[in-house]
Amino acid sequence: MAEQKLFFEDVSEGDLAPEVAHEITRTDLVRYAGASGDFNPMHSDEVAAKSAGLPSVFGHGMFTAGLLGRAITDYVGVGNLKNYKVRFTKQTWPGETLTTRITVKNKSADDQLVELECVVTNQSGESKLEGIAIASLPSKG
C-alpha cells in the first residue's frame, strides 16, 4: 500500500487504518537477520531452537515492529509520525500471518496530534505486539 494523504479534519476517534497482513516465512527471518545483523540462532537454526526447548525458530520482534511501523507511516505519512512505542507480547512463528490493527484513540485540536492505538495479531487473533503512536497531521486549511 502506498502512503495516503491524511488530514487532521478527516480523522475521527475510533477510525481504523487500513490493515497490513504478512505471512512470516523462513526467508523473511534470514533476510531480516542479514539486514539487521541479528544472527541469534533462535531465529535461523532449527536444531539450536529445538535444543533450547522451542518448537521451531521464531521471528525477530523488530521485524514485527517494522511491519507495524510501515502500516502506521502508510496511514499518517512518514514525516508526520512523532512517537512510536511498542511492547512485544508473544513470539511469532514461521507460517503465521501477522495483521496490523491501528485505531485512532484520541485527537488534540490544539496541536493537531492524533494518538493511535496499535496491535499486531496472528491469524488466530493472538496479540503479538501492542503499541502507541503519535502523529501530527496537516490541516486542510
N, C-alpha and C. Protein backbone atom coordinates (compact mmCIF):
# COMPACT_ATOMS: atom_id res chain seq x y z
N MET A 1 0.84 -1.17 0.00
CA MET A 1 0.00 0.00 0.00
C MET A 1 0.89 1.24 0.00
N ALA A 2 0.49 2.24 -0.73
CA ALA A 2 1.24 3.48 -0.77
C ALA A 2 0.78 4.41 0.34
N GLU A 3 1.66 5.33 0.69
CA GLU A 3 1.32 6.32 1.71
C GLU A 3 0.10 7.12 1.25
N GLN A 4 -0.85 7.33 2.15
CA GLN A 4 -2.01 8.14 1.79
C GLN A 4 -1.88 9.53 2.37
N LYS A 5 -2.56 10.49 1.76
CA LYS A 5 -2.53 11.86 2.26
C LYS A 5 -3.68 12.00 3.24
N LEU A 6 -3.36 12.12 4.50
CA LEU A 6 -4.34 12.18 5.57
C LEU A 6 -4.31 13.55 6.21
N PHE A 7 -5.49 14.14 6.41
CA PHE A 7 -5.60 15.44 7.05
C PHE A 7 -6.26 15.29 8.41
N PHE A 8 -5.90 16.17 9.33
CA PHE A 8 -6.43 16.15 10.68
C PHE A 8 -7.96 16.18 10.69
N GLU A 9 -8.55 16.99 9.84
CA GLU A 9 -10.01 17.13 9.80
C GLU A 9 -10.72 15.86 9.33
N ASP A 10 -10.01 14.99 8.63
CA ASP A 10 -10.63 13.77 8.09
C ASP A 10 -10.60 12.59 9.06
N VAL A 11 -9.95 12.77 10.20
CA VAL A 11 -9.78 11.67 11.16
C VAL A 11 -10.72 11.86 12.34
N SER A 12 -11.36 10.77 12.75
CA SER A 12 -12.23 10.78 13.93
C SER A 12 -11.78 9.70 14.90
N GLU A 13 -12.03 9.95 16.19
CA GLU A 13 -11.73 8.91 17.18
C GLU A 13 -12.51 7.65 16.82
N GLY A 14 -11.83 6.52 16.89
CA GLY A 14 -12.43 5.23 16.53
C GLY A 14 -12.17 4.80 15.10
N ASP A 15 -11.66 5.69 14.26
CA ASP A 15 -11.33 5.32 12.88
C ASP A 15 -10.27 4.23 12.87
N LEU A 16 -10.33 3.37 11.86
CA LEU A 16 -9.34 2.31 11.68
C LEU A 16 -8.51 2.58 10.43
N ALA A 17 -7.21 2.39 10.55
CA ALA A 17 -6.33 2.49 9.39
C ALA A 17 -6.46 1.21 8.56
N PRO A 18 -6.09 1.25 7.29
CA PRO A 18 -6.07 0.02 6.50
C PRO A 18 -5.13 -1.01 7.15
N GLU A 19 -5.54 -2.25 7.16
CA GLU A 19 -4.71 -3.32 7.73
C GLU A 19 -3.60 -3.69 6.76
N VAL A 20 -2.50 -4.13 7.33
CA VAL A 20 -1.41 -4.73 6.56
C VAL A 20 -1.23 -6.14 7.09
N ALA A 21 -1.23 -7.12 6.20
CA ALA A 21 -1.05 -8.52 6.60
C ALA A 21 0.18 -9.09 5.90
N HIS A 22 0.88 -9.96 6.62
CA HIS A 22 2.08 -10.59 6.06
C HIS A 22 2.27 -11.96 6.69
N GLU A 23 2.49 -12.97 5.87
CA GLU A 23 2.80 -14.31 6.38
C GLU A 23 4.32 -14.41 6.57
N ILE A 24 4.73 -14.75 7.77
CA ILE A 24 6.15 -14.87 8.08
C ILE A 24 6.71 -16.15 7.47
N THR A 25 7.80 -16.01 6.74
CA THR A 25 8.47 -17.17 6.15
C THR A 25 9.88 -17.27 6.74
N ARG A 26 10.48 -18.40 6.56
CA ARG A 26 11.87 -18.56 7.00
C ARG A 26 12.79 -17.64 6.19
N THR A 27 12.44 -17.40 4.95
CA THR A 27 13.21 -16.46 4.13
C THR A 27 13.18 -15.07 4.74
N ASP A 28 12.01 -14.65 5.26
CA ASP A 28 11.93 -13.36 5.96
C ASP A 28 12.93 -13.30 7.10
N LEU A 29 13.01 -14.39 7.87
CA LEU A 29 13.91 -14.42 9.03
C LEU A 29 15.37 -14.29 8.60
N VAL A 30 15.74 -14.98 7.53
CA VAL A 30 17.12 -14.92 7.04
C VAL A 30 17.42 -13.52 6.50
N ARG A 31 16.50 -12.98 5.72
CA ARG A 31 16.71 -11.63 5.18
C ARG A 31 16.82 -10.60 6.30
N TYR A 32 15.93 -10.70 7.29
CA TYR A 32 15.96 -9.73 8.38
C TYR A 32 17.25 -9.87 9.19
N ALA A 33 17.70 -11.09 9.41
CA ALA A 33 18.96 -11.29 10.13
C ALA A 33 20.10 -10.61 9.39
N GLY A 34 20.15 -10.77 8.08
CA GLY A 34 21.20 -10.14 7.29
C GLY A 34 21.12 -8.63 7.32
N ALA A 35 19.92 -8.09 7.23
CA ALA A 35 19.74 -6.63 7.22
C ALA A 35 20.03 -6.01 8.58
N SER A 36 19.64 -6.71 9.64
CA SER A 36 19.76 -6.14 10.99
C SER A 36 21.05 -6.51 11.70
N GLY A 37 21.66 -7.60 11.27
CA GLY A 37 22.84 -8.09 11.98
C GLY A 37 22.50 -8.96 13.18
N ASP A 38 21.21 -9.27 13.36
CA ASP A 38 20.77 -10.10 14.48
C ASP A 38 20.80 -11.56 14.04
N PHE A 39 21.93 -12.23 14.30
CA PHE A 39 22.11 -13.61 13.89
C PHE A 39 21.91 -14.59 15.04
N ASN A 40 21.07 -14.23 16.00
CA ASN A 40 20.75 -15.16 17.09
C ASN A 40 20.26 -16.46 16.46
N PRO A 41 20.87 -17.61 16.80
CA PRO A 41 20.47 -18.87 16.18
C PRO A 41 19.01 -19.26 16.44
N MET A 42 18.38 -18.67 17.43
CA MET A 42 16.96 -18.97 17.69
C MET A 42 16.06 -18.50 16.55
N HIS A 43 16.60 -17.63 15.68
CA HIS A 43 15.84 -17.12 14.54
C HIS A 43 16.14 -17.88 13.25
N SER A 44 17.17 -18.71 13.24
CA SER A 44 17.55 -19.33 11.96
C SER A 44 17.98 -20.79 12.06
N ASP A 45 18.33 -21.27 13.22
CA ASP A 45 18.86 -22.63 13.37
C ASP A 45 17.83 -23.51 14.06
N GLU A 46 17.17 -24.33 13.28
CA GLU A 46 16.09 -25.20 13.78
C GLU A 46 16.60 -26.13 14.89
N VAL A 47 17.78 -26.71 14.70
CA VAL A 47 18.33 -27.64 15.69
C VAL A 47 18.59 -26.91 17.00
N ALA A 48 19.21 -25.75 16.93
CA ALA A 48 19.50 -24.98 18.14
C ALA A 48 18.21 -24.56 18.84
N ALA A 49 17.20 -24.13 18.07
CA ALA A 49 15.93 -23.71 18.66
C ALA A 49 15.25 -24.88 19.38
N LYS A 50 15.24 -26.03 18.76
CA LYS A 50 14.61 -27.20 19.39
C LYS A 50 15.41 -27.67 20.60
N SER A 51 16.73 -27.56 20.54
CA SER A 51 17.56 -27.92 21.69
C SER A 51 17.29 -27.01 22.88
N ALA A 52 16.84 -25.79 22.60
CA ALA A 52 16.53 -24.83 23.66
C ALA A 52 15.09 -25.01 24.16
N GLY A 53 14.39 -26.02 23.63
CA GLY A 53 13.03 -26.30 24.09
C GLY A 53 11.94 -25.60 23.31
N LEU A 54 12.30 -24.96 22.22
CA LEU A 54 11.31 -24.26 21.39
C LEU A 54 10.76 -25.21 20.32
N PRO A 55 9.56 -24.97 19.83
CA PRO A 55 9.02 -25.82 18.77
C PRO A 55 9.68 -25.60 17.43
N SER A 56 10.29 -24.44 17.23
CA SER A 56 10.90 -24.07 15.95
C SER A 56 11.67 -22.78 16.15
N VAL A 57 12.24 -22.26 15.06
CA VAL A 57 12.81 -20.92 15.09
C VAL A 57 11.66 -19.94 15.23
N PHE A 58 11.95 -18.74 15.74
CA PHE A 58 10.89 -17.74 15.86
C PHE A 58 11.33 -16.42 15.25
N GLY A 59 10.37 -15.57 14.97
CA GLY A 59 10.63 -14.31 14.29
C GLY A 59 11.27 -13.27 15.19
N HIS A 60 12.01 -12.38 14.58
CA HIS A 60 12.60 -11.24 15.27
C HIS A 60 11.48 -10.29 15.68
N GLY A 61 11.49 -9.87 16.92
CA GLY A 61 10.48 -8.92 17.38
C GLY A 61 10.49 -7.63 16.59
N MET A 62 11.67 -7.17 16.22
CA MET A 62 11.77 -5.92 15.49
C MET A 62 11.25 -6.05 14.06
N PHE A 63 11.20 -7.26 13.51
CA PHE A 63 10.57 -7.47 12.21
C PHE A 63 9.08 -7.13 12.32
N THR A 64 8.46 -7.62 13.41
CA THR A 64 7.04 -7.34 13.64
C THR A 64 6.83 -5.85 13.88
N ALA A 65 7.72 -5.22 14.64
CA ALA A 65 7.63 -3.78 14.88
C ALA A 65 7.77 -3.01 13.57
N GLY A 66 8.60 -3.49 12.68
CA GLY A 66 8.76 -2.86 11.38
C GLY A 66 7.52 -2.98 10.51
N LEU A 67 6.88 -4.14 10.57
CA LEU A 67 5.62 -4.33 9.84
C LEU A 67 4.59 -3.32 10.31
N LEU A 68 4.46 -3.16 11.62
CA LEU A 68 3.52 -2.19 12.18
C LEU A 68 3.94 -0.77 11.83
N GLY A 69 5.23 -0.48 11.93
CA GLY A 69 5.72 0.86 11.59
C GLY A 69 5.38 1.24 10.16
N ARG A 70 5.51 0.29 9.25
CA ARG A 70 5.15 0.56 7.85
C ARG A 70 3.67 0.87 7.71
N ALA A 71 2.83 0.10 8.41
CA ALA A 71 1.39 0.33 8.34
C ALA A 71 1.04 1.72 8.89
N ILE A 72 1.71 2.12 9.97
CA ILE A 72 1.45 3.43 10.56
C ILE A 72 1.86 4.55 9.60
N THR A 73 3.06 4.47 9.06
CA THR A 73 3.53 5.54 8.18
C THR A 73 2.78 5.55 6.85
N ASP A 74 2.32 4.41 6.38
CA ASP A 74 1.47 4.40 5.19
C ASP A 74 0.18 5.18 5.47
N TYR A 75 -0.31 5.12 6.70
CA TYR A 75 -1.55 5.78 7.09
C TYR A 75 -1.37 7.28 7.35
N VAL A 76 -0.40 7.63 8.19
CA VAL A 76 -0.26 9.04 8.61
C VAL A 76 0.78 9.82 7.82
N GLY A 77 1.64 9.14 7.10
CA GLY A 77 2.73 9.79 6.37
C GLY A 77 4.02 9.72 7.15
N VAL A 78 5.10 9.43 6.47
CA VAL A 78 6.40 9.22 7.11
C VAL A 78 6.82 10.42 7.94
N GLY A 79 6.70 11.62 7.39
CA GLY A 79 7.14 12.81 8.09
C GLY A 79 6.22 13.25 9.22
N ASN A 80 5.06 12.61 9.35
CA ASN A 80 4.08 13.02 10.36
C ASN A 80 4.16 12.21 11.64
N LEU A 81 4.87 11.10 11.64
CA LEU A 81 5.00 10.26 12.82
C LEU A 81 5.96 10.92 13.80
N LYS A 82 5.50 11.16 15.02
CA LYS A 82 6.31 11.86 16.02
C LYS A 82 6.82 10.94 17.12
N ASN A 83 6.09 9.87 17.41
CA ASN A 83 6.45 8.98 18.51
C ASN A 83 5.88 7.60 18.21
N TYR A 84 6.65 6.57 18.55
CA TYR A 84 6.23 5.19 18.27
C TYR A 84 6.82 4.31 19.36
N LYS A 85 5.96 3.68 20.16
CA LYS A 85 6.40 2.79 21.24
C LYS A 85 5.68 1.46 21.11
N VAL A 86 6.42 0.38 21.32
CA VAL A 86 5.81 -0.96 21.24
C VAL A 86 6.21 -1.81 22.44
N ARG A 87 5.39 -2.83 22.66
CA ARG A 87 5.66 -3.85 23.68
C ARG A 87 5.39 -5.19 23.02
N PHE A 88 6.36 -6.09 23.08
CA PHE A 88 6.21 -7.42 22.49
C PHE A 88 5.41 -8.28 23.47
N THR A 89 4.39 -8.97 22.97
CA THR A 89 3.52 -9.74 23.84
C THR A 89 3.68 -11.26 23.68
N LYS A 90 4.03 -11.72 22.47
CA LYS A 90 4.26 -13.15 22.22
C LYS A 90 5.21 -13.32 21.05
N GLN A 91 5.87 -14.46 21.01
CA GLN A 91 6.75 -14.77 19.89
C GLN A 91 5.94 -15.00 18.62
N THR A 92 6.60 -14.76 17.49
CA THR A 92 5.99 -15.05 16.19
C THR A 92 6.71 -16.25 15.57
N TRP A 93 5.97 -16.99 14.75
CA TRP A 93 6.49 -18.24 14.20
C TRP A 93 6.32 -18.27 12.68
N PRO A 94 7.26 -18.92 11.98
CA PRO A 94 7.09 -19.07 10.53
C PRO A 94 5.73 -19.71 10.23
N GLY A 95 5.08 -19.20 9.21
CA GLY A 95 3.76 -19.71 8.82
C GLY A 95 2.62 -18.89 9.41
N GLU A 96 2.88 -18.09 10.43
CA GLU A 96 1.83 -17.24 10.97
C GLU A 96 1.60 -16.05 10.04
N THR A 97 0.35 -15.65 9.93
CA THR A 97 0.02 -14.43 9.21
C THR A 97 -0.22 -13.33 10.24
N LEU A 98 0.61 -12.31 10.17
CA LEU A 98 0.50 -11.18 11.09
C LEU A 98 -0.32 -10.08 10.43
N THR A 99 -1.23 -9.49 11.20
CA THR A 99 -2.09 -8.43 10.68
C THR A 99 -2.07 -7.26 11.65
N THR A 100 -1.92 -6.06 11.09
CA THR A 100 -1.90 -4.85 11.90
C THR A 100 -3.32 -4.34 12.12
N ARG A 101 -3.54 -3.74 13.28
CA ARG A 101 -4.80 -3.02 13.54
C ARG A 101 -4.43 -1.72 14.24
N ILE A 102 -4.77 -0.62 13.59
CA ILE A 102 -4.43 0.72 14.08
C ILE A 102 -5.73 1.49 14.24
N THR A 103 -5.97 1.96 15.46
CA THR A 103 -7.21 2.68 15.77
C THR A 103 -6.87 4.08 16.27
N VAL A 104 -7.60 5.07 15.77
CA VAL A 104 -7.44 6.43 16.27
C VAL A 104 -8.06 6.47 17.66
N LYS A 105 -7.21 6.70 18.66
CA LYS A 105 -7.67 6.70 20.05
C LYS A 105 -8.08 8.09 20.52
N ASN A 106 -7.27 9.10 20.20
CA ASN A 106 -7.53 10.47 20.64
C ASN A 106 -7.10 11.45 19.57
N LYS A 107 -7.74 12.63 19.58
CA LYS A 107 -7.34 13.76 18.74
C LYS A 107 -7.18 14.98 19.63
N SER A 108 -6.17 15.79 19.34
CA SER A 108 -5.96 17.03 20.08
C SER A 108 -5.95 18.18 19.09
N ALA A 109 -7.04 18.94 19.07
CA ALA A 109 -7.17 20.05 18.13
C ALA A 109 -6.14 21.15 18.40
N ASP A 110 -5.68 21.28 19.64
CA ASP A 110 -4.73 22.33 19.98
C ASP A 110 -3.44 22.24 19.18
N ASP A 111 -2.93 21.03 19.02
CA ASP A 111 -1.66 20.84 18.32
C ASP A 111 -1.76 19.87 17.14
N GLN A 112 -2.99 19.49 16.77
CA GLN A 112 -3.25 18.60 15.64
C GLN A 112 -2.55 17.25 15.78
N LEU A 113 -2.47 16.77 17.01
CA LEU A 113 -1.88 15.46 17.26
C LEU A 113 -2.97 14.40 17.29
N VAL A 114 -2.62 13.25 16.78
CA VAL A 114 -3.51 12.09 16.77
C VAL A 114 -2.78 10.95 17.47
N GLU A 115 -3.44 10.35 18.46
CA GLU A 115 -2.88 9.19 19.16
C GLU A 115 -3.48 7.93 18.55
N LEU A 116 -2.62 7.00 18.19
CA LEU A 116 -3.04 5.75 17.57
C LEU A 116 -2.75 4.57 18.49
N GLU A 117 -3.74 3.75 18.70
CA GLU A 117 -3.58 2.51 19.45
C GLU A 117 -3.33 1.41 18.43
N CYS A 118 -2.26 0.64 18.64
CA CYS A 118 -1.82 -0.31 17.62
C CYS A 118 -1.66 -1.71 18.19
N VAL A 119 -1.96 -2.70 17.37
CA VAL A 119 -1.75 -4.09 17.75
C VAL A 119 -1.45 -4.89 16.50
N VAL A 120 -0.62 -5.91 16.66
CA VAL A 120 -0.37 -6.89 15.60
C VAL A 120 -0.82 -8.23 16.14
N THR A 121 -1.68 -8.90 15.39
CA THR A 121 -2.19 -10.21 15.80
C THR A 121 -1.86 -11.25 14.74
N ASN A 122 -1.95 -12.52 15.16
CA ASN A 122 -1.80 -13.60 14.17
C ASN A 122 -3.19 -13.99 13.67
N GLN A 123 -3.23 -15.00 12.84
CA GLN A 123 -4.49 -15.43 12.21
C GLN A 123 -5.50 -15.96 13.23
N SER A 124 -5.05 -16.30 14.43
CA SER A 124 -5.96 -16.77 15.49
C SER A 124 -6.40 -15.63 16.41
N GLY A 125 -5.94 -14.43 16.12
CA GLY A 125 -6.32 -13.28 16.94
C GLY A 125 -5.43 -13.05 18.15
N GLU A 126 -4.35 -13.83 18.30
CA GLU A 126 -3.43 -13.65 19.43
C GLU A 126 -2.59 -12.39 19.22
N SER A 127 -2.52 -11.55 20.23
CA SER A 127 -1.70 -10.35 20.16
C SER A 127 -0.23 -10.74 20.21
N LYS A 128 0.54 -10.20 19.27
CA LYS A 128 1.98 -10.46 19.22
C LYS A 128 2.78 -9.21 19.59
N LEU A 129 2.17 -8.04 19.39
CA LEU A 129 2.83 -6.78 19.67
C LEU A 129 1.73 -5.73 19.88
N GLU A 130 1.94 -4.85 20.84
CA GLU A 130 0.99 -3.76 21.10
C GLU A 130 1.78 -2.47 21.18
N GLY A 131 1.14 -1.37 20.80
CA GLY A 131 1.87 -0.12 20.84
C GLY A 131 0.99 1.10 20.73
N ILE A 132 1.65 2.23 20.82
CA ILE A 132 1.03 3.54 20.71
C ILE A 132 1.89 4.37 19.76
N ALA A 133 1.24 5.14 18.92
CA ALA A 133 1.95 6.06 18.04
C ALA A 133 1.27 7.42 18.12
N ILE A 134 2.07 8.46 17.95
CA ILE A 134 1.57 9.83 17.92
C ILE A 134 1.97 10.43 16.57
N ALA A 135 0.98 11.02 15.89
CA ALA A 135 1.24 11.67 14.61
C ALA A 135 0.72 13.10 14.65
N SER A 136 1.41 13.97 13.96
CA SER A 136 0.98 15.35 13.78
C SER A 136 0.49 15.47 12.34
N LEU A 137 -0.81 15.65 12.16
CA LEU A 137 -1.37 15.67 10.82
C LEU A 137 -1.57 17.10 10.32
N PRO A 138 -1.36 17.30 9.03
CA PRO A 138 -1.58 18.63 8.47
C PRO A 138 -3.06 18.98 8.42
N SER A 139 -3.32 20.26 8.38
CA SER A 139 -4.70 20.76 8.26
C SER A 139 -5.01 21.03 6.81
N LYS A 140 -6.26 20.92 6.44
CA LYS A 140 -6.67 21.26 5.08
C LYS A 140 -6.58 22.76 4.84
N GLY A 141 -6.76 23.53 5.91
CA GLY A 141 -6.79 24.99 5.77
C GLY A 141 -5.47 25.52 5.99
